[in-house]
Amino acid sequence: MLLNVSYNRIEITEKIDREVGKPFTLKERWDMGGIGSPKLFITETSLEIRNLLILDNNLDCCNIELRPKGIIVGFRSLLESYALVIPFYKLSIYKGNLAVYSIYRDHHFIKVRSDTKAIQKFFKKILDYRTDNKPTSIEDL
């Protein structure tokens, strides 16, 4: 779900909270060692996101916020802020080339450069959190 989050609208906030959960509390953020990613440089995107990013001449970058039931990928174009809201059950992360992570949700995708240890550590944190908080499957019983 790609949303314009430039303005503080209650219906958009409620839609995001239903999809990926309410933000972590300050204590939970502290215990997890932070929930935000470093600055991520975008290398490739799906068509709809690309059409937003080419509107300005700035360097294409984004960030990721971890939520209890998913992630939010945030980026800016012109003076607007956009969020790609991805619940864990629709999230696919691939490590493609040497230093590129691909984040997919349905037909939307963003590929980001992962050339530092901090970025690689954050993606490991996302995958570990998703694994630890996954509901038990019927095969586990």
N, C-alpha and C. Protein backbone atom coordinates (compact mmCIF):
# COMPACT_ATOMS: atom_id res chain seq x y z
N MET A 1 0.85 -1.16 0.00
CA MET A 1 0.00 0.00 0.00
C MET A 1 0.90 1.23 0.00
N LEU A 2 0.85 1.99 -1.07
CA LEU A 2 1.64 3.20 -1.22
C LEU A 2 0.76 4.39 -0.86
N LEU A 3 1.19 5.17 0.15
CA LEU A 3 0.38 6.27 0.66
C LEU A 3 1.17 7.57 0.71
N ASN A 4 0.46 8.68 0.50
CA ASN A 4 1.04 10.00 0.71
C ASN A 4 0.83 10.34 2.19
N VAL A 5 1.92 10.47 2.93
CA VAL A 5 1.83 10.73 4.37
C VAL A 5 2.35 12.13 4.72
N SER A 6 2.26 13.05 3.77
CA SER A 6 2.76 14.41 4.00
C SER A 6 1.96 15.15 5.05
N TYR A 7 0.68 14.86 5.11
CA TYR A 7 -0.21 15.59 6.01
C TYR A 7 -0.73 14.63 7.07
N ASN A 8 -0.92 15.15 8.27
CA ASN A 8 -1.34 14.33 9.40
C ASN A 8 -2.86 14.13 9.34
N ARG A 9 -3.27 13.05 8.66
CA ARG A 9 -4.69 12.73 8.55
C ARG A 9 -4.97 11.47 9.36
N ILE A 10 -6.03 11.52 10.14
CA ILE A 10 -6.36 10.43 11.05
C ILE A 10 -6.66 9.15 10.29
N GLU A 11 -7.38 9.23 9.17
CA GLU A 11 -7.75 8.02 8.44
C GLU A 11 -6.52 7.30 7.86
N ILE A 12 -5.51 8.05 7.44
CA ILE A 12 -4.27 7.45 6.93
C ILE A 12 -3.51 6.78 8.08
N THR A 13 -3.42 7.47 9.22
CA THR A 13 -2.73 6.92 10.39
C THR A 13 -3.40 5.64 10.85
N GLU A 14 -4.73 5.62 10.89
CA GLU A 14 -5.45 4.41 11.31
C GLU A 14 -5.25 3.27 10.32
N LYS A 15 -5.20 3.59 9.04
CA LYS A 15 -4.99 2.56 8.02
C LYS A 15 -3.60 1.92 8.18
N ILE A 16 -2.60 2.76 8.44
CA ILE A 16 -1.23 2.25 8.64
C ILE A 16 -1.17 1.40 9.92
N ASP A 17 -1.81 1.88 11.00
CA ASP A 17 -1.79 1.14 12.27
C ASP A 17 -2.50 -0.21 12.15
N ARG A 18 -3.58 -0.28 11.37
CA ARG A 18 -4.26 -1.56 11.14
C ARG A 18 -3.37 -2.54 10.37
N GLU A 19 -2.62 -2.00 9.42
CA GLU A 19 -1.81 -2.85 8.54
C GLU A 19 -0.55 -3.38 9.23
N VAL A 20 0.20 -2.51 9.92
CA VAL A 20 1.49 -2.92 10.50
C VAL A 20 1.60 -2.70 12.01
N GLY A 21 0.53 -2.33 12.67
CA GLY A 21 0.56 -2.15 14.12
C GLY A 21 0.95 -0.74 14.52
N LYS A 22 0.64 -0.41 15.76
CA LYS A 22 1.00 0.91 16.30
C LYS A 22 2.51 0.98 16.51
N PRO A 23 3.08 2.18 16.54
CA PRO A 23 4.54 2.29 16.75
C PRO A 23 4.95 1.71 18.10
N PHE A 24 6.20 1.25 18.16
CA PHE A 24 6.74 0.73 19.41
C PHE A 24 6.81 1.85 20.45
N THR A 25 6.72 1.46 21.72
CA THR A 25 6.88 2.45 22.79
C THR A 25 8.36 2.81 22.90
N LEU A 26 8.64 3.85 23.63
CA LEU A 26 10.02 4.31 23.78
C LEU A 26 10.89 3.24 24.45
N LYS A 27 10.34 2.56 25.45
CA LYS A 27 11.09 1.50 26.13
C LYS A 27 11.40 0.35 25.17
N GLU A 28 10.43 -0.04 24.34
CA GLU A 28 10.64 -1.12 23.38
C GLU A 28 11.70 -0.72 22.35
N ARG A 29 11.66 0.54 21.91
CA ARG A 29 12.66 1.02 20.96
C ARG A 29 14.05 0.96 21.57
N TRP A 30 14.15 1.35 22.82
CA TRP A 30 15.43 1.34 23.52
C TRP A 30 15.95 -0.08 23.68
N ASP A 31 15.07 -1.00 24.06
CA ASP A 31 15.46 -2.41 24.25
C ASP A 31 15.89 -3.06 22.94
N MET A 32 15.29 -2.66 21.83
CA MET A 32 15.62 -3.24 20.52
C MET A 32 16.87 -2.61 19.91
N GLY A 33 17.33 -1.54 20.47
CA GLY A 33 18.50 -0.85 19.91
C GLY A 33 18.13 0.02 18.72
N GLY A 34 16.92 0.49 18.70
CA GLY A 34 16.45 1.36 17.61
C GLY A 34 15.59 0.60 16.62
N ILE A 35 14.68 1.33 15.96
CA ILE A 35 13.78 0.70 15.01
C ILE A 35 13.89 1.32 13.62
N GLY A 36 14.78 2.27 13.44
CA GLY A 36 14.93 2.95 12.16
C GLY A 36 16.22 2.56 11.46
N SER A 37 16.17 2.57 10.15
CA SER A 37 17.34 2.20 9.36
C SER A 37 18.25 3.40 9.14
N PRO A 38 19.49 3.15 8.76
CA PRO A 38 20.31 4.26 8.28
C PRO A 38 19.77 4.74 6.93
N LYS A 39 20.35 5.78 6.39
CA LYS A 39 19.93 6.29 5.08
C LYS A 39 20.23 5.23 4.01
N LEU A 40 19.19 4.86 3.25
CA LEU A 40 19.33 3.83 2.22
C LEU A 40 19.23 4.49 0.85
N PHE A 41 20.19 4.20 -0.02
CA PHE A 41 20.18 4.77 -1.37
C PHE A 41 19.48 3.81 -2.33
N ILE A 42 18.50 4.32 -3.04
CA ILE A 42 17.68 3.51 -3.93
C ILE A 42 18.41 3.32 -5.25
N THR A 43 18.47 2.06 -5.71
CA THR A 43 19.10 1.76 -7.00
C THR A 43 18.06 1.48 -8.08
N GLU A 44 16.92 0.89 -7.70
CA GLU A 44 15.88 0.54 -8.67
C GLU A 44 14.55 0.42 -7.94
N THR A 45 13.45 0.75 -8.65
CA THR A 45 12.12 0.64 -8.05
C THR A 45 11.11 0.17 -9.08
N SER A 46 9.91 -0.13 -8.59
CA SER A 46 8.82 -0.46 -9.49
C SER A 46 8.35 0.81 -10.19
N LEU A 47 7.54 0.64 -11.21
CA LEU A 47 7.15 1.76 -12.08
C LEU A 47 6.43 2.88 -11.33
N GLU A 48 5.48 2.53 -10.47
CA GLU A 48 4.70 3.55 -9.77
C GLU A 48 5.58 4.40 -8.85
N ILE A 49 6.51 3.76 -8.16
CA ILE A 49 7.42 4.50 -7.28
C ILE A 49 8.43 5.30 -8.11
N ARG A 50 8.93 4.73 -9.19
CA ARG A 50 9.87 5.42 -10.09
C ARG A 50 9.24 6.71 -10.62
N ASN A 51 7.94 6.65 -10.99
CA ASN A 51 7.26 7.84 -11.51
C ASN A 51 7.20 8.95 -10.46
N LEU A 52 7.14 8.60 -9.19
CA LEU A 52 7.18 9.62 -8.13
C LEU A 52 8.58 10.18 -7.94
N LEU A 53 9.59 9.30 -8.00
CA LEU A 53 10.96 9.73 -7.71
C LEU A 53 11.58 10.58 -8.82
N ILE A 54 11.14 10.41 -10.07
CA ILE A 54 11.76 11.17 -11.15
C ILE A 54 11.22 12.60 -11.25
N LEU A 55 10.26 12.95 -10.39
CA LEU A 55 9.71 14.31 -10.43
C LEU A 55 10.71 15.36 -9.97
N ASP A 56 11.68 14.98 -9.16
CA ASP A 56 12.70 15.94 -8.73
C ASP A 56 14.09 15.41 -9.08
N ASN A 57 15.08 16.25 -8.92
CA ASN A 57 16.45 15.89 -9.29
C ASN A 57 17.31 15.51 -8.09
N ASN A 58 16.68 15.28 -6.95
CA ASN A 58 17.44 14.92 -5.76
C ASN A 58 17.91 13.47 -5.82
N LEU A 59 18.87 13.15 -4.97
CA LEU A 59 19.36 11.79 -4.86
C LEU A 59 18.25 10.92 -4.27
N ASP A 60 17.99 9.78 -4.88
CA ASP A 60 16.91 8.91 -4.42
C ASP A 60 17.35 8.13 -3.19
N CYS A 61 16.70 8.39 -2.06
CA CYS A 61 17.03 7.67 -0.83
C CYS A 61 15.75 7.42 -0.04
N CYS A 62 15.83 6.46 0.87
CA CYS A 62 14.68 6.12 1.68
C CYS A 62 15.15 5.66 3.05
N ASN A 63 14.20 5.36 3.93
CA ASN A 63 14.50 4.79 5.22
C ASN A 63 13.41 3.78 5.56
N ILE A 64 13.69 2.92 6.52
CA ILE A 64 12.74 1.89 6.92
C ILE A 64 12.47 2.02 8.40
N GLU A 65 11.19 1.93 8.76
CA GLU A 65 10.78 1.92 10.17
C GLU A 65 10.20 0.55 10.47
N LEU A 66 10.68 -0.07 11.53
CA LEU A 66 10.17 -1.36 11.95
C LEU A 66 8.95 -1.16 12.83
N ARG A 67 7.89 -1.91 12.56
CA ARG A 67 6.67 -1.88 13.36
C ARG A 67 6.39 -3.29 13.88
N PRO A 68 5.47 -3.46 14.84
CA PRO A 68 5.21 -4.80 15.39
C PRO A 68 4.73 -5.83 14.36
N LYS A 69 3.99 -5.41 13.34
CA LYS A 69 3.48 -6.37 12.38
C LYS A 69 3.98 -6.12 10.96
N GLY A 70 5.04 -5.33 10.79
CA GLY A 70 5.56 -5.06 9.45
C GLY A 70 6.58 -3.95 9.44
N ILE A 71 6.80 -3.40 8.24
CA ILE A 71 7.74 -2.29 8.08
C ILE A 71 7.08 -1.19 7.25
N ILE A 72 7.64 0.01 7.37
CA ILE A 72 7.22 1.14 6.55
C ILE A 72 8.47 1.68 5.87
N VAL A 73 8.45 1.69 4.53
CA VAL A 73 9.55 2.26 3.75
C VAL A 73 9.13 3.67 3.39
N GLY A 74 9.88 4.66 3.87
CA GLY A 74 9.53 6.06 3.62
C GLY A 74 10.51 6.72 2.67
N PHE A 75 9.97 7.56 1.76
CA PHE A 75 10.82 8.32 0.85
C PHE A 75 10.12 9.63 0.50
N ARG A 76 10.88 10.55 -0.06
CA ARG A 76 10.33 11.88 -0.40
C ARG A 76 10.48 12.15 -1.89
N SER A 77 9.52 12.89 -2.42
CA SER A 77 9.58 13.35 -3.80
C SER A 77 8.97 14.73 -3.83
N LEU A 78 9.68 15.67 -4.44
CA LEU A 78 9.31 17.08 -4.40
C LEU A 78 9.16 17.47 -2.93
N LEU A 79 8.02 17.96 -2.51
CA LEU A 79 7.84 18.32 -1.10
C LEU A 79 6.90 17.37 -0.40
N GLU A 80 6.63 16.23 -0.99
CA GLU A 80 5.70 15.25 -0.45
C GLU A 80 6.45 14.06 0.16
N SER A 81 5.88 13.47 1.20
CA SER A 81 6.44 12.26 1.82
C SER A 81 5.52 11.09 1.50
N TYR A 82 6.13 9.97 1.13
CA TYR A 82 5.38 8.77 0.77
C TYR A 82 5.83 7.61 1.64
N ALA A 83 4.92 6.67 1.84
CA ALA A 83 5.22 5.48 2.64
C ALA A 83 4.72 4.25 1.92
N LEU A 84 5.59 3.26 1.80
CA LEU A 84 5.21 1.95 1.31
C LEU A 84 5.04 1.07 2.53
N VAL A 85 3.79 0.75 2.86
CA VAL A 85 3.45 0.01 4.07
C VAL A 85 3.42 -1.48 3.72
N ILE A 86 4.26 -2.27 4.42
CA ILE A 86 4.39 -3.69 4.09
C ILE A 86 4.23 -4.53 5.37
N PRO A 87 3.11 -5.25 5.52
CA PRO A 87 3.00 -6.18 6.65
C PRO A 87 3.92 -7.38 6.42
N PHE A 88 4.31 -8.04 7.51
CA PHE A 88 5.27 -9.13 7.41
C PHE A 88 4.79 -10.26 6.50
N TYR A 89 3.48 -10.53 6.47
CA TYR A 89 3.01 -11.64 5.65
C TYR A 89 3.09 -11.34 4.15
N LYS A 90 3.28 -10.07 3.78
CA LYS A 90 3.46 -9.73 2.37
C LYS A 90 4.89 -9.31 2.05
N LEU A 91 5.77 -9.30 3.04
CA LEU A 91 7.14 -8.82 2.87
C LEU A 91 8.03 -9.92 2.32
N SER A 92 8.76 -9.58 1.27
CA SER A 92 9.80 -10.46 0.72
C SER A 92 11.07 -9.64 0.61
N ILE A 93 12.14 -10.14 1.21
CA ILE A 93 13.44 -9.47 1.13
C ILE A 93 14.43 -10.42 0.48
N TYR A 94 15.09 -9.94 -0.56
CA TYR A 94 16.08 -10.74 -1.27
C TYR A 94 17.42 -10.02 -1.24
N LYS A 95 18.47 -10.78 -1.07
CA LYS A 95 19.83 -10.23 -1.19
C LYS A 95 20.30 -10.64 -2.57
N GLY A 96 20.25 -9.71 -3.50
CA GLY A 96 20.58 -10.02 -4.88
C GLY A 96 22.06 -9.95 -5.14
N ASN A 97 22.48 -8.91 -5.80
CA ASN A 97 23.90 -8.72 -6.11
C ASN A 97 24.70 -8.54 -4.83
N LEU A 98 25.97 -8.27 -5.00
CA LEU A 98 26.87 -8.18 -3.87
C LEU A 98 26.38 -7.23 -2.78
N ALA A 99 25.91 -6.06 -3.13
CA ALA A 99 25.52 -5.08 -2.12
C ALA A 99 24.16 -4.47 -2.41
N VAL A 100 23.16 -5.30 -2.74
CA VAL A 100 21.82 -4.80 -3.03
C VAL A 100 20.79 -5.68 -2.33
N TYR A 101 19.90 -5.04 -1.56
CA TYR A 101 18.75 -5.73 -0.98
C TYR A 101 17.51 -5.30 -1.75
N SER A 102 16.61 -6.26 -2.02
CA SER A 102 15.35 -5.98 -2.71
C SER A 102 14.21 -6.20 -1.72
N ILE A 103 13.33 -5.21 -1.62
CA ILE A 103 12.18 -5.26 -0.72
C ILE A 103 10.93 -5.29 -1.58
N TYR A 104 10.12 -6.34 -1.44
CA TYR A 104 8.94 -6.52 -2.28
C TYR A 104 7.66 -6.55 -1.46
N ARG A 105 6.60 -5.98 -2.03
CA ARG A 105 5.23 -6.15 -1.55
C ARG A 105 4.35 -6.15 -2.79
N ASP A 106 3.74 -7.28 -3.08
CA ASP A 106 2.88 -7.45 -4.25
C ASP A 106 3.61 -6.98 -5.51
N HIS A 107 3.11 -5.92 -6.16
CA HIS A 107 3.75 -5.44 -7.39
C HIS A 107 4.69 -4.26 -7.15
N HIS A 108 4.84 -3.82 -5.91
CA HIS A 108 5.78 -2.75 -5.58
C HIS A 108 7.11 -3.35 -5.13
N PHE A 109 8.21 -2.73 -5.54
CA PHE A 109 9.51 -3.15 -5.02
C PHE A 109 10.46 -1.97 -4.99
N ILE A 110 11.43 -2.06 -4.08
CA ILE A 110 12.49 -1.06 -3.95
C ILE A 110 13.79 -1.83 -3.74
N LYS A 111 14.80 -1.50 -4.53
CA LYS A 111 16.12 -2.10 -4.34
C LYS A 111 17.04 -1.03 -3.77
N VAL A 112 17.73 -1.39 -2.68
CA VAL A 112 18.59 -0.42 -2.00
C VAL A 112 20.00 -0.95 -1.91
N ARG A 113 20.95 -0.02 -1.92
CA ARG A 113 22.36 -0.38 -1.79
C ARG A 113 22.66 -0.70 -0.33
N SER A 114 23.39 -1.79 -0.09
CA SER A 114 23.74 -2.18 1.28
C SER A 114 25.25 -2.30 1.39
N ASP A 115 25.91 -1.18 1.28
CA ASP A 115 27.37 -1.19 1.24
C ASP A 115 28.03 -0.94 2.59
N THR A 116 27.25 -0.85 3.66
CA THR A 116 27.84 -0.67 4.99
C THR A 116 27.36 -1.76 5.93
N LYS A 117 28.11 -1.99 6.99
CA LYS A 117 27.74 -2.99 7.98
C LYS A 117 26.46 -2.62 8.71
N ALA A 118 26.23 -1.31 8.92
CA ALA A 118 25.03 -0.87 9.64
C ALA A 118 23.76 -1.25 8.87
N ILE A 119 23.78 -1.12 7.56
CA ILE A 119 22.62 -1.47 6.74
C ILE A 119 22.39 -2.98 6.78
N GLN A 120 23.45 -3.75 6.65
CA GLN A 120 23.32 -5.20 6.70
C GLN A 120 22.81 -5.67 8.06
N LYS A 121 23.27 -5.02 9.12
CA LYS A 121 22.84 -5.35 10.47
C LYS A 121 21.35 -5.03 10.65
N PHE A 122 20.88 -3.91 10.06
CA PHE A 122 19.47 -3.55 10.18
C PHE A 122 18.58 -4.55 9.45
N PHE A 123 18.99 -4.99 8.25
CA PHE A 123 18.18 -5.98 7.54
C PHE A 123 18.15 -7.31 8.30
N LYS A 124 19.23 -7.66 8.97
CA LYS A 124 19.25 -8.86 9.80
C LYS A 124 18.29 -8.69 10.97
N LYS A 125 18.22 -7.47 11.53
CA LYS A 125 17.29 -7.20 12.63
C LYS A 125 15.85 -7.38 12.17
N ILE A 126 15.52 -6.90 10.97
CA ILE A 126 14.16 -7.06 10.43
C ILE A 126 13.82 -8.55 10.29
N LEU A 127 14.71 -9.30 9.67
CA LEU A 127 14.45 -10.72 9.43
C LEU A 127 14.36 -11.50 10.74
N ASP A 128 15.23 -11.19 11.71
CA ASP A 128 15.18 -11.86 13.00
C ASP A 128 13.89 -11.53 13.76
N TYR A 129 13.47 -10.27 13.73
CA TYR A 129 12.24 -9.87 14.42
C TYR A 129 11.03 -10.58 13.80
N ARG A 130 11.00 -10.63 12.47
CA ARG A 130 9.89 -11.29 11.79
C ARG A 130 9.84 -12.77 12.16
N THR A 131 10.99 -13.42 12.21
CA THR A 131 11.05 -14.84 12.55
C THR A 131 10.64 -15.08 14.00
N ASP A 132 11.10 -14.25 14.92
CA ASP A 132 10.79 -14.44 16.33
C ASP A 132 9.32 -14.19 16.66
N ASN A 133 8.65 -13.32 15.89
CA ASN A 133 7.28 -12.94 16.20
C ASN A 133 6.26 -13.53 15.23
N LYS A 134 6.69 -14.51 14.47
CA LYS A 134 5.78 -15.15 13.53
C LYS A 134 4.80 -16.04 14.30
N PRO A 135 3.51 -16.02 13.93
CA PRO A 135 2.59 -16.93 14.61
C PRO A 135 2.96 -18.38 14.32
N THR A 136 2.66 -19.25 15.26
CA THR A 136 3.01 -20.66 15.07
C THR A 136 2.18 -21.26 13.94
N SER A 137 2.84 -22.04 13.11
CA SER A 137 2.13 -22.67 12.00
C SER A 137 1.60 -24.03 12.45
N ILE A 138 0.71 -24.57 11.68
CA ILE A 138 0.06 -25.83 12.03
C ILE A 138 1.07 -27.00 12.03
N GLU A 139 2.14 -26.87 11.23
CA GLU A 139 3.15 -27.93 11.18
C GLU A 139 3.96 -28.00 12.47
N ASP A 140 4.05 -26.88 13.21
CA ASP A 140 4.83 -26.84 14.45
C ASP A 140 4.13 -27.54 15.61
N LEU A 141 2.83 -27.74 15.49
CA LEU A 141 2.06 -28.32 16.61
C LEU A 141 2.18 -29.81 16.67
